[in-house]
Amino acid sequence: MEKQISKLEEMKGWLVSTFSHIAILDELYLIGSILNSQSSIFNDIDIVQKIKFQNYSELKSYGETVNKIKSDFNEKFKIPLHVTTFTQNELNELYQFMSKNSYIKLL
């Protein structure tokens, strides 16, 4: 169990460090089965993000950034990072989604 906690803490730290400098990101949550797992083996990591953007080019650029982050995460931790995104116009959907999941707010 201790190995799981340290691995989870390492992943959380990496996610916070990686996402914290991105201006378009408003909120970031770690969700799902990893929070309830008793195993030290993770099949994947799920995160939910809320973003605020001004224009399409900003959104497109952020999408490319997220793809790079997912690739870097997979390379470092050897498991996929799944990202679910909600915009500032989808607050009701975000909160409804979050109410159905275990989560930890990272940012």
N, C-alpha and C. Protein backbone atom coordinates (compact mmCIF):
# COMPACT_ATOMS: atom_id res chain seq x y z
N MET A 1 0.82 -1.20 0.00
CA MET A 1 0.00 0.00 0.00
C MET A 1 0.86 1.26 0.00
N GLU A 2 1.99 1.23 0.72
CA GLU A 2 2.87 2.40 0.79
C GLU A 2 3.43 2.74 -0.59
N LYS A 3 3.76 1.70 -1.38
CA LYS A 3 4.28 1.92 -2.73
C LYS A 3 3.23 2.62 -3.59
N GLN A 4 1.96 2.21 -3.44
CA GLN A 4 0.88 2.84 -4.18
C GLN A 4 0.78 4.32 -3.83
N ILE A 5 0.84 4.62 -2.54
CA ILE A 5 0.71 6.01 -2.11
C ILE A 5 1.86 6.85 -2.65
N SER A 6 3.07 6.35 -2.58
CA SER A 6 4.20 7.13 -3.07
C SER A 6 4.13 7.32 -4.58
N LYS A 7 3.70 6.29 -5.31
CA LYS A 7 3.55 6.40 -6.76
C LYS A 7 2.44 7.41 -7.10
N LEU A 8 1.33 7.33 -6.38
CA LEU A 8 0.23 8.26 -6.59
C LEU A 8 0.68 9.69 -6.27
N GLU A 9 1.40 9.86 -5.18
CA GLU A 9 1.89 11.19 -4.82
C GLU A 9 2.85 11.73 -5.87
N GLU A 10 3.69 10.86 -6.41
CA GLU A 10 4.61 11.27 -7.47
C GLU A 10 3.84 11.74 -8.71
N MET A 11 2.82 11.00 -9.08
CA MET A 11 2.01 11.37 -10.24
C MET A 11 1.27 12.68 -9.99
N LYS A 12 0.69 12.83 -8.80
CA LYS A 12 -0.01 14.08 -8.47
C LYS A 12 0.96 15.26 -8.54
N GLY A 13 2.14 15.10 -7.99
CA GLY A 13 3.13 16.18 -8.03
C GLY A 13 3.51 16.54 -9.45
N TRP A 14 3.68 15.53 -10.28
CA TRP A 14 4.04 15.76 -11.67
C TRP A 14 2.92 16.51 -12.39
N LEU A 15 1.68 16.09 -12.16
CA LEU A 15 0.54 16.76 -12.81
C LEU A 15 0.43 18.21 -12.37
N VAL A 16 0.55 18.47 -11.08
CA VAL A 16 0.48 19.84 -10.57
C VAL A 16 1.60 20.68 -11.17
N SER A 17 2.80 20.16 -11.15
CA SER A 17 3.95 20.89 -11.70
C SER A 17 3.78 21.17 -13.19
N THR A 18 3.26 20.21 -13.91
CA THR A 18 3.13 20.33 -15.37
C THR A 18 2.01 21.28 -15.76
N PHE A 19 0.88 21.21 -15.08
CA PHE A 19 -0.28 22.01 -15.46
C PHE A 19 -0.33 23.38 -14.79
N SER A 20 0.39 23.60 -13.71
CA SER A 20 0.21 24.82 -12.92
C SER A 20 0.58 26.11 -13.65
N HIS A 21 1.42 26.04 -14.64
CA HIS A 21 1.85 27.25 -15.35
C HIS A 21 0.98 27.59 -16.56
N ILE A 22 -0.05 26.80 -16.82
CA ILE A 22 -0.86 26.99 -18.03
C ILE A 22 -2.03 27.92 -17.73
N ALA A 23 -2.03 29.08 -18.36
CA ALA A 23 -3.01 30.13 -18.05
C ALA A 23 -4.45 29.74 -18.39
N ILE A 24 -4.65 28.99 -19.43
CA ILE A 24 -6.00 28.63 -19.87
C ILE A 24 -6.69 27.66 -18.89
N LEU A 25 -5.89 26.95 -18.10
CA LEU A 25 -6.43 25.98 -17.16
C LEU A 25 -6.98 26.68 -15.93
N ASP A 26 -8.23 26.39 -15.60
CA ASP A 26 -8.89 27.01 -14.45
C ASP A 26 -8.95 26.07 -13.25
N GLU A 27 -9.24 24.78 -13.49
CA GLU A 27 -9.32 23.79 -12.43
C GLU A 27 -8.82 22.46 -12.97
N LEU A 28 -8.23 21.64 -12.07
CA LEU A 28 -7.73 20.32 -12.45
C LEU A 28 -8.02 19.34 -11.32
N TYR A 29 -8.60 18.20 -11.68
CA TYR A 29 -8.98 17.17 -10.71
C TYR A 29 -8.42 15.82 -11.13
N LEU A 30 -8.00 15.05 -10.15
CA LEU A 30 -7.68 13.64 -10.33
C LEU A 30 -8.94 12.88 -9.94
N ILE A 31 -9.40 11.98 -10.80
CA ILE A 31 -10.67 11.29 -10.54
C ILE A 31 -10.53 9.80 -10.73
N GLY A 32 -11.56 9.09 -10.33
CA GLY A 32 -11.76 7.72 -10.73
C GLY A 32 -11.17 6.64 -9.87
N SER A 33 -10.99 5.50 -10.49
CA SER A 33 -10.65 4.27 -9.79
C SER A 33 -9.30 4.32 -9.09
N ILE A 34 -8.37 5.11 -9.56
CA ILE A 34 -7.07 5.18 -8.90
C ILE A 34 -7.20 5.63 -7.45
N LEU A 35 -8.21 6.41 -7.16
CA LEU A 35 -8.40 6.90 -5.80
C LEU A 35 -8.97 5.83 -4.87
N ASN A 36 -9.55 4.79 -5.43
CA ASN A 36 -10.15 3.72 -4.65
C ASN A 36 -9.36 2.42 -4.70
N SER A 37 -8.30 2.40 -5.49
CA SER A 37 -7.54 1.18 -5.73
C SER A 37 -6.72 0.79 -4.51
N GLN A 38 -6.72 -0.50 -4.21
CA GLN A 38 -5.88 -1.04 -3.15
C GLN A 38 -4.59 -1.63 -3.73
N SER A 39 -4.49 -1.61 -5.03
CA SER A 39 -3.35 -2.20 -5.72
C SER A 39 -2.26 -1.16 -5.95
N SER A 40 -1.03 -1.62 -6.10
CA SER A 40 0.07 -0.71 -6.44
C SER A 40 0.26 -0.63 -7.95
N ILE A 41 -0.60 -1.32 -8.69
CA ILE A 41 -0.53 -1.31 -10.15
C ILE A 41 -1.69 -0.49 -10.68
N PHE A 42 -1.37 0.53 -11.47
CA PHE A 42 -2.39 1.38 -12.07
C PHE A 42 -2.45 1.10 -13.56
N ASN A 43 -3.66 0.99 -14.10
CA ASN A 43 -3.82 0.78 -15.54
C ASN A 43 -3.86 2.08 -16.31
N ASP A 44 -4.33 3.13 -15.65
CA ASP A 44 -4.42 4.44 -16.28
C ASP A 44 -4.69 5.48 -15.20
N ILE A 45 -4.62 6.73 -15.60
CA ILE A 45 -4.93 7.85 -14.72
C ILE A 45 -5.94 8.73 -15.44
N ASP A 46 -6.97 9.15 -14.71
CA ASP A 46 -8.00 10.01 -15.28
C ASP A 46 -7.97 11.37 -14.60
N ILE A 47 -7.98 12.42 -15.40
CA ILE A 47 -8.07 13.77 -14.87
C ILE A 47 -9.21 14.50 -15.57
N VAL A 48 -9.76 15.48 -14.87
CA VAL A 48 -10.78 16.36 -15.42
C VAL A 48 -10.26 17.78 -15.28
N GLN A 49 -10.44 18.55 -16.33
CA GLN A 49 -10.00 19.94 -16.30
C GLN A 49 -11.11 20.87 -16.73
N LYS A 50 -11.11 22.06 -16.13
CA LYS A 50 -11.99 23.13 -16.58
C LYS A 50 -11.08 24.21 -17.15
N ILE A 51 -11.40 24.65 -18.35
CA ILE A 51 -10.57 25.65 -19.01
C ILE A 51 -11.38 26.89 -19.36
N LYS A 52 -10.67 27.99 -19.47
CA LYS A 52 -11.24 29.26 -19.95
C LYS A 52 -10.39 29.71 -21.12
N PHE A 53 -11.05 30.00 -22.23
CA PHE A 53 -10.29 30.45 -23.39
C PHE A 53 -11.00 31.61 -24.06
N GLN A 54 -10.24 32.40 -24.79
CA GLN A 54 -10.76 33.59 -25.45
C GLN A 54 -11.09 33.36 -26.93
N ASN A 55 -10.34 32.47 -27.58
CA ASN A 55 -10.54 32.26 -29.01
C ASN A 55 -10.12 30.86 -29.42
N TYR A 56 -10.48 30.51 -30.64
CA TYR A 56 -10.23 29.16 -31.14
C TYR A 56 -8.75 28.84 -31.20
N SER A 57 -7.91 29.76 -31.59
CA SER A 57 -6.48 29.47 -31.71
C SER A 57 -5.88 29.15 -30.34
N GLU A 58 -6.35 29.82 -29.30
CA GLU A 58 -5.90 29.52 -27.94
C GLU A 58 -6.32 28.10 -27.55
N LEU A 59 -7.53 27.72 -27.89
CA LEU A 59 -8.04 26.38 -27.60
C LEU A 59 -7.26 25.33 -28.38
N LYS A 60 -7.01 25.57 -29.63
CA LYS A 60 -6.27 24.63 -30.47
C LYS A 60 -4.85 24.44 -29.94
N SER A 61 -4.20 25.51 -29.58
CA SER A 61 -2.85 25.44 -29.04
C SER A 61 -2.84 24.63 -27.74
N TYR A 62 -3.84 24.84 -26.90
CA TYR A 62 -3.92 24.11 -25.65
C TYR A 62 -4.13 22.61 -25.90
N GLY A 63 -4.92 22.29 -26.89
CA GLY A 63 -5.12 20.88 -27.26
C GLY A 63 -3.81 20.21 -27.62
N GLU A 64 -2.97 20.91 -28.35
CA GLU A 64 -1.65 20.38 -28.70
C GLU A 64 -0.78 20.21 -27.45
N THR A 65 -0.88 21.17 -26.53
CA THR A 65 -0.13 21.08 -25.28
C THR A 65 -0.57 19.86 -24.47
N VAL A 66 -1.87 19.63 -24.39
CA VAL A 66 -2.39 18.48 -23.64
C VAL A 66 -1.92 17.17 -24.27
N ASN A 67 -1.90 17.10 -25.59
CA ASN A 67 -1.41 15.89 -26.25
C ASN A 67 0.05 15.62 -25.89
N LYS A 68 0.85 16.66 -25.83
CA LYS A 68 2.26 16.52 -25.44
C LYS A 68 2.36 16.08 -23.98
N ILE A 69 1.56 16.65 -23.11
CA ILE A 69 1.56 16.27 -21.70
C ILE A 69 1.18 14.80 -21.56
N LYS A 70 0.16 14.36 -22.28
CA LYS A 70 -0.26 12.96 -22.22
C LYS A 70 0.88 12.04 -22.66
N SER A 71 1.56 12.41 -23.70
CA SER A 71 2.69 11.62 -24.19
C SER A 71 3.82 11.58 -23.17
N ASP A 72 4.15 12.73 -22.60
CA ASP A 72 5.20 12.79 -21.58
C ASP A 72 4.83 11.96 -20.35
N PHE A 73 3.57 12.01 -19.94
CA PHE A 73 3.11 11.25 -18.78
C PHE A 73 3.26 9.75 -19.05
N ASN A 74 2.81 9.34 -20.22
CA ASN A 74 2.90 7.92 -20.59
C ASN A 74 4.36 7.47 -20.63
N GLU A 75 5.23 8.30 -21.14
CA GLU A 75 6.65 7.96 -21.21
C GLU A 75 7.25 7.83 -19.80
N LYS A 76 6.89 8.75 -18.91
CA LYS A 76 7.46 8.75 -17.57
C LYS A 76 6.88 7.65 -16.68
N PHE A 77 5.56 7.48 -16.69
CA PHE A 77 4.91 6.56 -15.76
C PHE A 77 4.47 5.24 -16.39
N LYS A 78 4.59 5.13 -17.70
CA LYS A 78 4.28 3.89 -18.44
C LYS A 78 2.80 3.50 -18.36
N ILE A 79 1.94 4.49 -18.18
CA ILE A 79 0.49 4.27 -18.21
C ILE A 79 -0.16 5.48 -18.89
N PRO A 80 -1.31 5.27 -19.52
CA PRO A 80 -1.96 6.39 -20.21
C PRO A 80 -2.62 7.38 -19.25
N LEU A 81 -2.62 8.62 -19.67
CA LEU A 81 -3.31 9.71 -18.98
C LEU A 81 -4.55 10.05 -19.81
N HIS A 82 -5.72 9.89 -19.21
CA HIS A 82 -6.98 10.23 -19.88
C HIS A 82 -7.45 11.58 -19.37
N VAL A 83 -7.77 12.46 -20.30
CA VAL A 83 -8.14 13.83 -19.96
C VAL A 83 -9.56 14.11 -20.44
N THR A 84 -10.41 14.56 -19.52
CA THR A 84 -11.76 15.02 -19.86
C THR A 84 -11.77 16.52 -19.63
N THR A 85 -12.27 17.26 -20.61
CA THR A 85 -12.22 18.71 -20.57
C THR A 85 -13.61 19.32 -20.60
N PHE A 86 -13.81 20.31 -19.74
CA PHE A 86 -15.02 21.12 -19.74
C PHE A 86 -14.60 22.58 -19.88
N THR A 87 -15.41 23.35 -20.58
CA THR A 87 -15.13 24.77 -20.75
C THR A 87 -15.94 25.59 -19.75
N GLN A 88 -15.67 26.89 -19.74
CA GLN A 88 -16.40 27.79 -18.85
C GLN A 88 -17.90 27.80 -19.16
N ASN A 89 -18.29 27.35 -20.34
CA ASN A 89 -19.71 27.31 -20.72
C ASN A 89 -20.38 26.00 -20.33
N GLU A 90 -19.64 25.09 -19.72
CA GLU A 90 -20.17 23.77 -19.39
C GLU A 90 -20.11 23.48 -17.89
N LEU A 91 -20.33 24.50 -17.09
CA LEU A 91 -20.21 24.34 -15.63
C LEU A 91 -21.20 23.33 -15.06
N ASN A 92 -22.45 23.38 -15.50
CA ASN A 92 -23.45 22.43 -15.00
C ASN A 92 -23.03 21.00 -15.30
N GLU A 93 -22.55 20.76 -16.52
CA GLU A 93 -22.11 19.44 -16.92
C GLU A 93 -20.90 19.00 -16.09
N LEU A 94 -19.97 19.91 -15.85
CA LEU A 94 -18.78 19.61 -15.04
C LEU A 94 -19.20 19.17 -13.64
N TYR A 95 -20.02 19.97 -12.98
CA TYR A 95 -20.39 19.65 -11.60
C TYR A 95 -21.25 18.40 -11.51
N GLN A 96 -22.06 18.14 -12.51
CA GLN A 96 -22.84 16.91 -12.55
C GLN A 96 -21.90 15.71 -12.71
N PHE A 97 -20.94 15.83 -13.60
CA PHE A 97 -19.96 14.77 -13.82
C PHE A 97 -19.16 14.51 -12.56
N MET A 98 -18.70 15.56 -11.92
CA MET A 98 -17.87 15.41 -10.72
C MET A 98 -18.67 14.80 -9.56
N SER A 99 -19.96 15.06 -9.50
CA SER A 99 -20.78 14.52 -8.41
C SER A 99 -20.91 13.00 -8.49
N LYS A 100 -20.60 12.43 -9.63
CA LYS A 100 -20.71 10.98 -9.83
C LYS A 100 -19.38 10.26 -9.66
N ASN A 101 -18.32 10.98 -9.30
CA ASN A 101 -16.98 10.40 -9.23
C ASN A 101 -16.27 10.78 -7.94
N SER A 102 -15.36 9.92 -7.51
CA SER A 102 -14.43 10.29 -6.45
C SER A 102 -13.39 11.19 -7.09
N TYR A 103 -12.96 12.22 -6.39
CA TYR A 103 -11.96 13.11 -6.96
C TYR A 103 -11.13 13.82 -5.90
N ILE A 104 -9.99 14.31 -6.36
CA ILE A 104 -9.12 15.17 -5.57
C ILE A 104 -8.82 16.39 -6.43
N LYS A 105 -9.03 17.58 -5.90
CA LYS A 105 -8.71 18.79 -6.65
C LYS A 105 -7.20 19.02 -6.58
N LEU A 106 -6.58 19.11 -7.75
CA LEU A 106 -5.14 19.34 -7.83
C LEU A 106 -4.82 20.82 -8.00
N LEU A 107 -5.60 21.50 -8.81
CA LEU A 107 -5.42 22.94 -9.08
C LEU A 107 -6.79 23.60 -9.17
